[in-house]
N, C-alpha and C. Protein backbone atom coordinates (compact mmCIF):
# COMPACT_ATOMS: atom_id res chain seq x y z
N MET A 1 12.58 -35.52 24.38
CA MET A 1 12.60 -34.79 23.41
C MET A 1 12.16 -35.06 22.01
N HIS A 2 11.76 -34.00 21.91
CA HIS A 2 10.92 -34.29 20.33
C HIS A 2 11.59 -33.84 19.00
N GLY A 3 13.09 -33.52 19.58
CA GLY A 3 13.34 -33.10 18.07
C GLY A 3 13.39 -31.86 17.24
N PHE A 4 13.56 -32.15 16.28
CA PHE A 4 12.44 -30.78 15.79
C PHE A 4 11.82 -30.68 15.30
N GLY A 5 10.36 -31.74 15.10
CA GLY A 5 9.39 -32.32 15.07
C GLY A 5 8.53 -31.43 16.08
N GLY A 6 8.30 -31.18 17.26
CA GLY A 6 7.63 -30.86 17.89
C GLY A 6 7.40 -28.89 18.08
N SER A 7 6.83 -28.41 19.07
CA SER A 7 6.96 -27.19 18.50
C SER A 7 8.04 -26.30 18.77
N LEU A 8 9.29 -26.43 19.36
CA LEU A 8 10.41 -26.47 19.48
C LEU A 8 11.23 -26.21 18.40
N GLY A 9 10.68 -27.09 17.17
CA GLY A 9 10.95 -27.39 16.07
C GLY A 9 10.51 -26.18 15.00
N PHE A 10 9.28 -25.68 15.50
CA PHE A 10 8.69 -24.73 14.78
C PHE A 10 9.14 -23.74 14.76
N GLY A 11 9.38 -23.01 16.35
CA GLY A 11 10.00 -22.00 16.46
C GLY A 11 11.20 -21.60 16.28
N MET A 12 11.81 -22.61 15.97
CA MET A 12 13.45 -22.48 15.20
C MET A 12 13.17 -22.17 13.65
N GLY A 13 12.28 -23.09 13.26
CA GLY A 13 12.27 -23.33 12.09
C GLY A 13 11.81 -21.65 11.05
N PHE A 14 11.16 -20.95 11.79
CA PHE A 14 10.42 -19.84 11.80
C PHE A 14 11.02 -18.57 12.69
N GLY A 15 12.23 -19.02 13.19
CA GLY A 15 12.86 -18.01 14.30
C GLY A 15 13.89 -16.82 13.36
N TRP A 16 14.01 -17.44 12.17
CA TRP A 16 14.91 -16.27 10.96
C TRP A 16 14.22 -15.09 10.97
N ILE A 17 12.29 -15.43 10.74
CA ILE A 17 11.90 -14.26 10.35
C ILE A 17 12.06 -13.42 11.62
N PHE A 18 11.67 -13.66 12.57
CA PHE A 18 12.31 -12.64 13.56
C PHE A 18 13.10 -11.65 13.67
N TRP A 19 14.49 -12.43 13.55
CA TRP A 19 15.76 -11.41 13.41
C TRP A 19 16.45 -11.18 11.93
N LEU A 20 15.25 -11.31 10.98
CA LEU A 20 15.38 -10.45 8.99
C LEU A 20 14.20 -9.59 9.66
N VAL A 21 13.38 -9.47 10.51
CA VAL A 21 12.60 -8.03 10.70
C VAL A 21 13.39 -7.23 11.60
N VAL A 22 13.85 -7.56 12.88
CA VAL A 22 14.46 -6.77 13.76
C VAL A 22 15.98 -6.84 12.95
N ILE A 23 16.54 -6.97 11.98
CA ILE A 23 17.77 -6.46 11.23
C ILE A 23 16.92 -5.41 9.90
N GLY A 24 16.00 -5.81 9.75
CA GLY A 24 14.97 -5.02 8.48
C GLY A 24 14.92 -3.79 9.41
N VAL A 25 14.45 -3.17 10.96
CA VAL A 25 14.16 -2.05 11.59
C VAL A 25 14.95 -1.14 11.69
N ALA A 26 16.52 -2.05 12.21
CA ALA A 26 17.41 -1.70 12.35
C ALA A 26 18.65 -0.70 11.36
N ILE A 27 18.30 -1.22 10.10
CA ILE A 27 18.83 -0.72 8.68
C ILE A 27 17.81 0.78 8.68
N TRP A 28 16.62 0.22 8.61
CA TRP A 28 16.20 1.41 8.40
C TRP A 28 15.66 2.29 9.40
N ALA A 29 16.14 2.56 10.39
CA ALA A 29 16.46 3.13 11.34
C ALA A 29 17.52 4.01 11.54
N VAL A 30 18.88 3.28 10.60
CA VAL A 30 20.60 3.53 10.53
C VAL A 30 20.27 4.93 9.49
N ILE A 31 19.28 4.25 8.34
CA ILE A 31 19.42 5.21 7.36
C ILE A 31 18.02 6.53 7.80
N ARG A 32 16.98 6.17 8.10
CA ARG A 32 16.06 7.44 8.34
C ARG A 32 17.27 8.01 9.14
N LEU A 33 18.39 7.78 10.39
CA LEU A 33 18.30 9.18 11.16
C LEU A 33 19.68 9.88 9.98
N THR A 34 20.72 9.08 9.02
CA THR A 34 21.64 9.60 8.54
C THR A 34 20.92 10.06 7.70
N SER A 35 19.60 10.52 7.14
CA SER A 35 19.66 10.89 5.83
C SER A 35 18.69 12.01 6.68
N GLN A 36 18.10 12.37 7.74
CA GLN A 36 17.76 13.26 8.78
C GLN A 36 18.68 14.42 9.00
N ASN A 37 20.21 13.65 9.47
CA ASN A 37 21.59 14.84 10.16
C ASN A 37 22.08 14.85 8.33
N THR A 38 21.68 14.77 7.31
CA THR A 38 22.35 15.34 6.39
C THR A 38 21.71 16.29 5.66
N GLN A 39 20.10 16.00 5.94
CA GLN A 39 18.82 16.60 5.27
C GLN A 39 19.51 18.27 6.75
N THR A 40 19.30 17.97 7.77
CA THR A 40 20.12 19.18 8.99
C THR A 40 20.82 19.80 8.82
N ARG A 41 22.15 19.13 8.13
CA ARG A 41 23.34 19.84 8.07
C ARG A 41 23.27 20.41 6.67
N SER A 42 22.54 20.37 5.53
CA SER A 42 22.57 21.55 4.83
C SER A 42 22.13 22.42 4.74
N ASP A 43 21.28 22.21 4.96
CA ASP A 43 19.78 23.94 5.86
C ASP A 43 20.95 24.53 7.01
N TYR A 44 21.81 24.15 7.95
CA TYR A 44 22.75 25.04 8.21
C TYR A 44 23.74 25.54 7.08
N SER A 45 24.15 24.70 6.39
CA SER A 45 25.31 24.87 5.92
C SER A 45 25.04 26.32 4.83
N ASP A 46 23.55 26.11 3.70
CA ASP A 46 23.04 27.25 2.88
C ASP A 46 22.42 28.66 4.03
N SER A 47 22.34 28.15 5.01
CA SER A 47 22.47 29.38 5.71
C SER A 47 22.82 31.04 5.37
N GLY A 48 24.26 30.94 4.77
CA GLY A 48 24.82 32.14 4.96
C GLY A 48 24.99 32.33 3.15
N LYS A 49 24.74 31.72 2.69
CA LYS A 49 24.77 32.03 1.31
C LYS A 49 23.13 31.44 0.33
N ASN A 50 23.28 31.81 -0.71
CA ASN A 50 22.44 32.13 -1.59
C ASN A 50 21.31 32.42 -1.40
N ARG A 51 21.15 33.32 0.00
CA ARG A 51 20.39 33.56 0.50
C ARG A 51 19.70 35.40 0.07
N GLU A 52 18.81 35.04 -0.30
CA GLU A 52 18.31 36.27 -1.17
C GLU A 52 17.67 37.50 0.18
N THR A 53 18.44 38.72 -0.35
CA THR A 53 17.90 39.63 0.29
C THR A 53 16.11 40.09 -0.06
N PRO A 54 15.64 40.85 0.91
CA PRO A 54 14.38 41.55 0.52
C PRO A 54 14.31 42.42 -1.19
N LEU A 55 15.38 43.08 -1.01
CA LEU A 55 15.76 44.14 -1.88
C LEU A 55 16.09 43.12 -2.98
N ASP A 56 16.62 42.08 -2.34
CA ASP A 56 17.29 40.99 -4.81
C ASP A 56 15.59 40.37 -4.73
N ILE A 57 14.80 39.81 -3.90
CA ILE A 57 13.50 39.60 -4.40
C ILE A 57 12.75 40.37 -4.70
N LEU A 58 12.69 41.85 -4.02
CA LEU A 58 11.44 43.04 -4.45
C LEU A 58 12.14 43.34 -5.91
N LYS A 59 13.72 43.26 -6.67
CA LYS A 59 14.01 43.61 -8.11
C LYS A 59 13.57 42.34 -9.13
N LYS A 60 13.96 41.02 -8.55
CA LYS A 60 13.17 40.18 -9.38
C LYS A 60 12.04 40.37 -9.18
N ARG A 61 10.99 40.44 -8.66
CA ARG A 61 9.27 40.84 -8.75
C ARG A 61 9.54 41.87 -9.89
N TYR A 62 10.15 42.80 -9.75
CA TYR A 62 9.39 44.03 -10.66
C TYR A 62 10.73 43.68 -12.24
N ALA A 63 11.55 42.97 -11.90
CA ALA A 63 11.90 42.62 -13.59
C ALA A 63 11.02 41.84 -14.35
N ARG A 64 10.45 40.75 -13.43
CA ARG A 64 9.60 39.92 -14.00
C ARG A 64 7.98 40.45 -14.65
N GLY A 65 7.77 41.86 -13.81
CA GLY A 65 6.72 42.53 -14.39
C GLY A 65 6.14 42.47 -13.35
N GLU A 66 6.05 42.30 -11.99
CA GLU A 66 4.87 41.46 -11.25
C GLU A 66 4.58 43.09 -10.45
N ILE A 67 5.47 43.95 -10.70
CA ILE A 67 4.63 45.14 -10.31
C ILE A 67 5.09 46.17 -10.85
N THR A 68 4.96 47.46 -10.51
CA THR A 68 4.82 48.45 -11.57
C THR A 68 6.18 49.20 -10.80
N GLU A 69 6.78 49.89 -11.70
CA GLU A 69 8.33 51.28 -11.53
C GLU A 69 7.63 51.92 -9.93
N THR A 70 6.47 52.57 -10.02
CA THR A 70 6.06 53.14 -8.90
C THR A 70 6.18 52.51 -7.41
N GLU A 71 5.78 50.96 -7.68
CA GLU A 71 5.43 50.29 -5.96
C GLU A 71 6.73 49.42 -5.95
N TYR A 72 7.59 49.85 -7.23
CA TYR A 72 8.92 49.15 -7.01
C TYR A 72 9.51 50.52 -6.08
N GLU A 73 9.62 51.34 -6.74
CA GLU A 73 10.16 52.44 -5.77
C GLU A 73 9.69 52.42 -4.24
N GLU A 74 8.46 52.47 -3.97
CA GLU A 74 7.38 52.76 -2.85
C GLU A 74 8.31 52.04 -1.83
N MET A 75 8.59 50.67 -2.49
CA MET A 75 8.74 49.69 -1.57
C MET A 75 10.00 49.68 -1.57
N ARG A 76 10.93 50.33 -2.10
CA ARG A 76 12.53 49.84 -2.16
C ARG A 76 13.07 51.18 -0.94
N LYS A 77 12.16 51.87 -0.89
CA LYS A 77 12.29 52.68 0.49
C LYS A 77 11.98 52.62 1.70
N LYS A 78 10.83 52.16 1.30
CA LYS A 78 10.19 51.43 3.09
C LYS A 78 11.43 50.23 3.55
N LEU A 79 12.00 49.84 2.46
CA LEU A 79 12.96 48.49 2.72
C LEU A 79 14.24 49.09 3.04
């Protein structure tokens, strides 16, 4: 029986560091998993709304002056 001065005391004295690391990793894992689930859910919820059609994109490109009127008309007919 060496008390707290032997190797047993050393392990007990710094054993809290091990548990602190374990708890920290567990918290990190929970935060990481919940943030991924939240992001995934928001990606799926936006899939039906606020989605631009190819014609909408074409109209915006024409409005910004990226394409000419003839290019716009040709592309619109193809769509």
